[in-house]
Protein backbone atom coordinates (compact mmCIF):
# COMPACT_ATOMS: atom_id res chain seq x y z
CA MET A 1 -20.50 92.48 -108.95
CA LYS A 2 -20.99 90.51 -105.72
CA GLU A 3 -17.40 89.27 -105.98
CA VAL A 4 -16.11 92.87 -106.17
CA VAL A 5 -18.08 93.83 -103.08
CA LYS A 6 -16.84 90.74 -101.27
CA THR A 7 -13.23 91.45 -102.24
CA ARG A 8 -13.51 95.07 -101.09
CA ALA A 9 -15.02 93.98 -97.76
CA GLU A 10 -12.24 91.43 -97.25
CA THR A 11 -9.61 94.05 -98.10
CA LEU A 12 -11.10 96.49 -95.60
CA GLU A 13 -11.21 93.79 -92.95
CA MET A 14 -7.54 92.97 -93.50
CA ILE A 15 -6.54 96.64 -93.37
CA ASP A 16 -8.60 97.17 -90.22
CA SER A 17 -6.66 94.35 -88.54
CA ILE A 18 -3.59 96.59 -88.40
CA LYS A 19 -3.21 98.28 -85.02
CA PRO A 20 -0.88 101.24 -85.74
CA ILE A 21 -3.09 103.85 -87.40
CA LYS A 22 -0.24 105.15 -89.57
CA TYR A 23 0.02 101.86 -91.42
CA ARG A 24 -3.74 101.36 -91.56
CA LEU A 25 -4.16 104.83 -93.10
CA LEU A 26 -1.39 104.19 -95.62
CA LEU A 27 -2.99 100.98 -96.87
CA ASN A 28 -6.41 102.65 -97.06
CA LEU A 29 -4.99 105.47 -99.16
CA LEU A 30 -3.15 103.08 -101.48
CA TYR A 31 -5.67 100.25 -101.85
CA ILE A 32 -9.06 101.83 -101.18
CA ASN A 33 -8.51 105.39 -102.41
CA GLY A 34 -6.22 104.36 -105.27
CA MET A 35 -3.47 106.85 -104.47
CA ASP A 36 0.14 106.37 -105.47
CA TYR A 37 3.08 106.67 -103.07
CA LYS A 38 3.55 110.39 -103.71
CA GLU A 39 -0.12 111.26 -103.16
CA ALA A 40 -0.36 109.11 -100.02
CA GLY A 41 2.87 110.55 -98.64
CA ASN A 42 1.64 114.09 -99.19
CA LYS A 43 -1.74 113.33 -97.63
CA MET A 44 -0.09 111.76 -94.57
CA ARG A 45 2.65 114.42 -94.46
CA ILE A 46 5.32 111.75 -94.53
CA GLY A 47 8.80 113.26 -94.33
CA ARG A 48 11.20 112.87 -97.20
CA ASP A 49 13.47 110.83 -94.96
CA GLU A 50 10.84 108.07 -94.76
CA LYS A 51 10.62 105.85 -97.82
CA MET A 52 7.08 105.00 -98.80
CA SER A 53 8.08 101.58 -100.11
CA VAL A 54 9.58 100.69 -96.72
CA LEU A 55 6.45 101.88 -94.87
CA HIS A 56 4.27 99.98 -97.34
CA ASN A 57 6.21 96.75 -96.81
CA GLN A 58 6.06 97.17 -93.03
CA ALA A 59 2.30 97.72 -93.23
CA LEU A 60 1.79 94.64 -95.40
CA LYS A 61 3.68 92.51 -92.88
CA MET A 62 1.15 93.58 -90.22
CA VAL A 63 -1.90 92.47 -92.18
CA ILE A 64 -3.74 89.56 -90.61
CA ILE A 65 -5.20 87.30 -93.26
CA VAL A 66 -8.74 86.40 -92.27
């Protein structure tokens, strides 16, 4: 159980390292809230012209590994 808590804390810390809030919110919705692309896109009101997979990849590139 301690390992799960530690992993969650590390994940949150990595997500919080992202400066643009749009990408930070996306990763929170996907990894912390367990949403899929469609749910996260609806929650964030992402336009159909923006591909969630592209936004996700951009967000992951911004993560600072601590």
